Amino acid sequence: MVKKNENNLKPEDVSIYYFKRTTEKFEVTKHTIDSEGKLNPIFPSGFYDNSYTLVKELL
């Protein structure tokens, strides 16, 4: 059985805010999801652990 997708969530309905603390301030970046499910812009280096990065390179 497969559950019917009843969620009408669209990419433009989602925003992700990434907060990074530096020694003097916080940096905030806004990330959106495109129609293919990819982040724009991608998260900065260091966000994902090493295993995720390796898997991503294989795809």
PDB file of N, CA and C in Angstrom:
ATOM      1  N   MET A   1       0.830  -1.184   0.000  1.00  0.00           N
ATOM      2  CA  MET A   1       0.000   0.000   0.000  1.00  0.00           C
ATOM      3  C   MET A   1       0.874   1.247   0.000  1.00  0.00           C
ATOM      4  N   VAL A   2       0.390   2.226  -0.682  1.00  0.00           N
ATOM      5  CA  VAL A   2       1.063   3.518  -0.715  1.00  0.00           C
ATOM      6  C   VAL A   2       0.039   4.573  -0.329  1.00  0.00           C
ATOM      7  N   LYS A   3       0.411   5.396   0.611  1.00  0.00           N
ATOM      8  CA  LYS A   3      -0.494   6.452   1.032  1.00  0.00           C
ATOM      9  C   LYS A   3      -0.528   7.551  -0.019  1.00  0.00           C
ATOM     10  N   LYS A   4      -1.719   7.982  -0.344  1.00  0.00           N
ATOM     11  CA  LYS A   4      -1.888   9.073  -1.299  1.00  0.00           C
ATOM     12  C   LYS A   4      -1.348  10.369  -0.691  1.00  0.00           C
ATOM     13  N   ASN A   5      -0.588  11.091  -1.494  1.00  0.00           N
ATOM     14  CA  ASN A   5      -0.031  12.358  -1.040  1.00  0.00           C
ATOM     15  C   ASN A   5      -1.131  13.411  -1.038  1.00  0.00           C
ATOM     16  N   GLU A   6      -1.537  13.814   0.142  1.00  0.00           N
ATOM     17  CA  GLU A   6      -2.583  14.820   0.261  1.00  0.00           C
ATOM     18  C   GLU A   6      -2.032  16.171   0.703  1.00  0.00           C
ATOM     19  N   ASN A   7      -0.723  16.264   0.756  1.00  0.00           N
ATOM     20  CA  ASN A   7      -0.091  17.508   1.179  1.00  0.00           C
ATOM     21  C   ASN A   7       0.143  18.381  -0.050  1.00  0.00           C
ATOM     22  N   ASN A   8      -0.358  19.563  -0.013  1.00  0.00           N
ATOM     23  CA  ASN A   8      -0.206  20.481  -1.142  1.00  0.00           C
ATOM     24  C   ASN A   8       0.912  21.478  -0.907  1.00  0.00           C
ATOM     25  N   LEU A   9       1.936  21.056  -0.199  1.00  0.00           N
ATOM     26  CA  LEU A   9       3.066  21.923   0.093  1.00  0.00           C
ATOM     27  C   LEU A   9       3.885  22.147  -1.169  1.00  0.00           C
ATOM     28  N   LYS A  10       4.097  23.412  -1.503  1.00  0.00           N
ATOM     29  CA  LYS A  10       4.861  23.768  -2.695  1.00  0.00           C
ATOM     30  C   LYS A  10       6.226  24.304  -2.274  1.00  0.00           C
ATOM     31  N   PRO A  11       7.218  24.212  -3.163  1.00  0.00           N
ATOM     32  CA  PRO A  11       8.558  24.711  -2.809  1.00  0.00           C
ATOM     33  C   PRO A  11       8.554  26.161  -2.327  1.00  0.00           C
ATOM     34  N   GLU A  12       7.723  26.989  -2.909  1.00  0.00           N
ATOM     35  CA  GLU A  12       7.700  28.400  -2.506  1.00  0.00           C
ATOM     36  C   GLU A  12       7.075  28.603  -1.122  1.00  0.00           C
ATOM     37  N   ASP A  13       6.473  27.546  -0.565  1.00  0.00           N
ATOM     38  CA  ASP A  13       5.913  27.618   0.781  1.00  0.00           C
ATOM     39  C   ASP A  13       6.966  27.380   1.867  1.00  0.00           C
ATOM     40  N   VAL A  14       8.171  26.990   1.472  1.00  0.00           N
ATOM     41  CA  VAL A  14       9.194  26.589   2.443  1.00  0.00           C
ATOM     42  C   VAL A  14      10.414  27.504   2.353  1.00  0.00           C
ATOM     43  N   SER A  15      10.871  27.965   3.492  1.00  0.00           N
ATOM     44  CA  SER A  15      12.140  28.692   3.601  1.00  0.00           C
ATOM     45  C   SER A  15      12.883  28.138   4.798  1.00  0.00           C
ATOM     46  N   ILE A  16      14.192  28.048   4.673  1.00  0.00           N
ATOM     47  CA  ILE A  16      15.036  27.578   5.763  1.00  0.00           C
ATOM     48  C   ILE A  16      16.015  28.699   6.082  1.00  0.00           C
ATOM     49  N   TYR A  17      16.103  29.043   7.345  1.00  0.00           N
ATOM     50  CA  TYR A  17      17.040  30.071   7.777  1.00  0.00           C
ATOM     51  C   TYR A  17      18.190  29.396   8.509  1.00  0.00           C
ATOM     52  N   TYR A  18      19.404  29.675   8.059  1.00  0.00           N
ATOM     53  CA  TYR A  18      20.606  29.093   8.652  1.00  0.00           C
ATOM     54  C   TYR A  18      21.308  30.167   9.467  1.00  0.00           C
ATOM     55  N   PHE A  19      21.517  29.879  10.742  1.00  0.00           N
ATOM     56  CA  PHE A  19      22.166  30.819  11.652  1.00  0.00           C
ATOM     57  C   PHE A  19      23.573  30.319  11.954  1.00  0.00           C
ATOM     58  N   LYS A  20      24.538  31.203  11.781  1.00  0.00           N
ATOM     59  CA  LYS A  20      25.924  30.859  12.076  1.00  0.00           C
ATOM     60  C   LYS A  20      26.499  31.942  12.977  1.00  0.00           C
ATOM     61  N   ARG A  21      27.061  31.502  14.088  1.00  0.00           N
ATOM     62  CA  ARG A  21      27.639  32.461  15.025  1.00  0.00           C
ATOM     63  C   ARG A  21      29.125  32.607  14.748  1.00  0.00           C
ATOM     64  N   THR A  22      29.555  33.833  14.589  1.00  0.00           N
ATOM     65  CA  THR A  22      30.982  34.131  14.497  1.00  0.00           C
ATOM     66  C   THR A  22      31.401  34.723  15.844  1.00  0.00           C
ATOM     67  N   THR A  23      32.630  35.103  15.956  1.00  0.00           N
ATOM     68  CA  THR A  23      33.098  35.637  17.240  1.00  0.00           C
ATOM     69  C   THR A  23      32.413  36.943  17.626  1.00  0.00           C
ATOM     70  N   GLU A  24      31.961  37.697  16.643  1.00  0.00           N
ATOM     71  CA  GLU A  24      31.389  39.008  16.945  1.00  0.00           C
ATOM     72  C   GLU A  24      29.902  39.150  16.645  1.00  0.00           C
ATOM     73  N   LYS A  25      29.341  38.251  15.836  1.00  0.00           N
ATOM     74  CA  LYS A  25      27.942  38.434  15.440  1.00  0.00           C
ATOM     75  C   LYS A  25      27.353  37.123  14.933  1.00  0.00           C
ATOM     76  N   PHE A  26      26.069  37.165  14.624  1.00  0.00           N
ATOM     77  CA  PHE A  26      25.392  36.054  13.973  1.00  0.00           C
ATOM     78  C   PHE A  26      25.231  36.378  12.498  1.00  0.00           C
ATOM     79  N   GLU A  27      25.409  35.385  11.659  1.00  0.00           N
ATOM     80  CA  GLU A  27      25.123  35.528  10.237  1.00  0.00           C
ATOM     81  C   GLU A  27      23.891  34.682   9.942  1.00  0.00           C
ATOM     82  N   VAL A  28      22.949  35.259   9.219  1.00  0.00           N
ATOM     83  CA  VAL A  28      21.721  34.552   8.879  1.00  0.00           C
ATOM     84  C   VAL A  28      21.604  34.502   7.367  1.00  0.00           C
ATOM     85  N   THR A  29      21.388  33.304   6.832  1.00  0.00           N
ATOM     86  CA  THR A  29      21.150  33.169   5.395  1.00  0.00           C
ATOM     87  C   THR A  29      19.813  32.473   5.180  1.00  0.00           C
ATOM     88  N   LYS A  30      19.116  32.884   4.152  1.00  0.00           N
ATOM     89  CA  LYS A  30      17.827  32.290   3.809  1.00  0.00           C
ATOM     90  C   LYS A  30      18.037  31.324   2.653  1.00  0.00           C
ATOM     91  N   HIS A  31      17.479  30.133   2.792  1.00  0.00           N
ATOM     92  CA  HIS A  31      17.601  29.104   1.771  1.00  0.00           C
ATOM     93  C   HIS A  31      16.199  28.682   1.344  1.00  0.00           C
ATOM     94  N   THR A  32      16.025  28.506   0.052  1.00  0.00           N
ATOM     95  CA  THR A  32      14.747  28.049  -0.482  1.00  0.00           C
ATOM     96  C   THR A  32      14.938  26.693  -1.148  1.00  0.00           C
ATOM     97  N   ILE A  33      13.837  26.079  -1.495  1.00  0.00           N
ATOM     98  CA  ILE A  33      13.859  24.783  -2.167  1.00  0.00           C
ATOM     99  C   ILE A  33      13.271  24.974  -3.556  1.00  0.00           C
ATOM    100  N   ASP A  34      14.005  24.525  -4.585  1.00  0.00           N
ATOM    101  CA  ASP A  34      13.493  24.684  -5.945  1.00  0.00           C
ATOM    102  C   ASP A  34      12.520  23.557  -6.287  1.00  0.00           C
ATOM    103  N   SER A  35      11.977  23.574  -7.484  1.00  0.00           N
ATOM    104  CA  SER A  35      10.960  22.595  -7.890  1.00  0.00           C
ATOM    105  C   SER A  35      11.495  21.173  -7.956  1.00  0.00           C
ATOM    106  N   GLU A  36      12.829  21.014  -7.987  1.00  0.00           N
ATOM    107  CA  GLU A  36      13.434  19.681  -8.003  1.00  0.00           C
ATOM    108  C   GLU A  36      13.850  19.232  -6.604  1.00  0.00           C
ATOM    109  N   GLY A  37      13.575  20.040  -5.591  1.00  0.00           N
ATOM    110  CA  GLY A  37      13.897  19.687  -4.218  1.00  0.00           C
ATOM    111  C   GLY A  37      15.305  20.043  -3.788  1.00  0.00           C
ATOM    112  N   LYS A  38      15.990  20.858  -4.567  1.00  0.00           N
ATOM    113  CA  LYS A  38      17.364  21.248  -4.230  1.00  0.00           C
ATOM    114  C   LYS A  38      17.364  22.577  -3.480  1.00  0.00           C
ATOM    115  N   LEU A  39      18.317  22.700  -2.554  1.00  0.00           N
ATOM    116  CA  LEU A  39      18.455  23.940  -1.799  1.00  0.00           C
ATOM    117  C   LEU A  39      19.123  25.017  -2.632  1.00  0.00           C
ATOM    118  N   ASN A  40      18.663  26.250  -2.439  1.00  0.00           N
ATOM    119  CA  ASN A  40      19.250  27.378  -3.134  1.00  0.00           C
ATOM    120  C   ASN A  40      19.383  28.529  -2.147  1.00  0.00           C
ATOM    121  N   PRO A  41      20.538  29.009  -1.798  1.00  0.00           N
ATOM    122  CA  PRO A  41      21.844  28.424  -2.083  1.00  0.00           C
ATOM    123  C   PRO A  41      22.071  27.199  -1.205  1.00  0.00           C
ATOM    124  N   ILE A  42      23.094  26.423  -1.538  1.00  0.00           N
ATOM    125  CA  ILE A  42      23.395  25.243  -0.742  1.00  0.00           C
ATOM    126  C   ILE A  42      23.903  25.685   0.627  1.00  0.00           C
ATOM    127  N   PHE A  43      23.808  24.785   1.606  1.00  0.00           N
ATOM    128  CA  PHE A  43      24.305  25.110   2.939  1.00  0.00           C
ATOM    129  C   PHE A  43      25.818  25.262   2.906  1.00  0.00           C
ATOM    130  N   PRO A  44      26.364  26.081   3.791  1.00  0.00           N
ATOM    131  CA  PRO A  44      27.816  26.282   3.818  1.00  0.00           C
ATOM    132  C   PRO A  44      28.556  25.011   4.230  1.00  0.00           C
ATOM    133  N   SER A  45      29.840  24.960   3.906  1.00  0.00           N
ATOM    134  CA  SER A  45      30.635  23.794   4.274  1.00  0.00           C
ATOM    135  C   SER A  45      30.639  23.651   5.790  1.00  0.00           C
ATOM    136  N   GLY A  46      30.663  22.416   6.235  1.00  0.00           N
ATOM    137  CA  GLY A  46      30.632  22.146   7.657  1.00  0.00           C
ATOM    138  C   GLY A  46      29.243  21.878   8.185  1.00  0.00           C
ATOM    139  N   PHE A  47      28.201  22.147   7.395  1.00  0.00           N
ATOM    140  CA  PHE A  47      26.840  21.890   7.860  1.00  0.00           C
ATOM    141  C   PHE A  47      26.556  20.397   7.897  1.00  0.00           C
ATOM    142  N   TYR A  48      26.892  19.720   6.819  1.00  0.00           N
ATOM    143  CA  TYR A  48      26.666  18.282   6.740  1.00  0.00           C
ATOM    144  C   TYR A  48      27.879  17.547   7.278  1.00  0.00           C
ATOM    145  N   ASP A  49      27.651  16.353   7.826  1.00  0.00           N
ATOM    146  CA  ASP A  49      28.807  15.578   8.259  1.00  0.00           C
ATOM    147  C   ASP A  49      29.478  14.938   7.047  1.00  0.00           C
ATOM    148  N   ASN A  50      30.629  14.368   7.239  1.00  0.00           N
ATOM    149  CA  ASN A  50      31.446  13.836   6.153  1.00  0.00           C
ATOM    150  C   ASN A  50      30.754  12.714   5.392  1.00  0.00           C
ATOM    151  N   SER A  51      30.004  11.847   6.075  1.00  0.00           N
ATOM    152  CA  SER A  51      29.353  10.727   5.388  1.00  0.00           C
ATOM    153  C   SER A  51      28.307  11.226   4.395  1.00  0.00           C
ATOM    154  N   TYR A  52      27.570  12.272   4.755  1.00  0.00           N
ATOM    155  CA  TYR A  52      26.587  12.821   3.828  1.00  0.00           C
ATOM    156  C   TYR A  52      27.276  13.389   2.595  1.00  0.00           C
ATOM    157  N   THR A  53      28.364  14.084   2.797  1.00  0.00           N
ATOM    158  CA  THR A  53      29.108  14.672   1.680  1.00  0.00           C
ATOM    159  C   THR A  53      29.605  13.591   0.734  1.00  0.00           C
ATOM    160  N   LEU A  54      30.105  12.479   1.263  1.00  0.00           N
ATOM    161  CA  LEU A  54      30.582  11.385   0.421  1.00  0.00           C
ATOM    162  C   LEU A  54      29.445  10.760  -0.379  1.00  0.00           C
ATOM    163  N   VAL A  55      28.304  10.546   0.244  1.00  0.00           N
ATOM    164  CA  VAL A  55      27.150   9.977  -0.461  1.00  0.00           C
ATOM    165  C   VAL A  55      26.685  10.923  -1.552  1.00  0.00           C
ATOM    166  N   LYS A  56      26.650  12.195  -1.265  1.00  0.00           N
ATOM    167  CA  LYS A  56      26.214  13.193  -2.243  1.00  0.00           C
ATOM    168  C   LYS A  56      27.110  13.171  -3.477  1.00  0.00           C
ATOM    169  N   GLU A  57      28.418  12.973  -3.282  1.00  0.00           N
ATOM    170  CA  GLU A  57      29.343  12.920  -4.408  1.00  0.00           C
ATOM    171  C   GLU A  57      29.101  11.688  -5.276  1.00  0.00           C
ATOM    172  N   LEU A  58      28.606  10.609  -4.686  1.00  0.00           N
ATOM    173  CA  LEU A  58      28.340   9.392  -5.448  1.00  0.00           C
ATOM    174  C   LEU A  58      27.102   9.519  -6.329  1.00  0.00           C
ATOM    175  N   LEU A  59      26.188  10.398  -5.959  1.00  0.00           N
ATOM    176  CA  LEU A  59      24.940  10.547  -6.721  1.00  0.00           C
ATOM    177  C   LEU A  59      25.124  11.397  -7.900  1.00  0.00           C
TER     178      LEU A  59
END
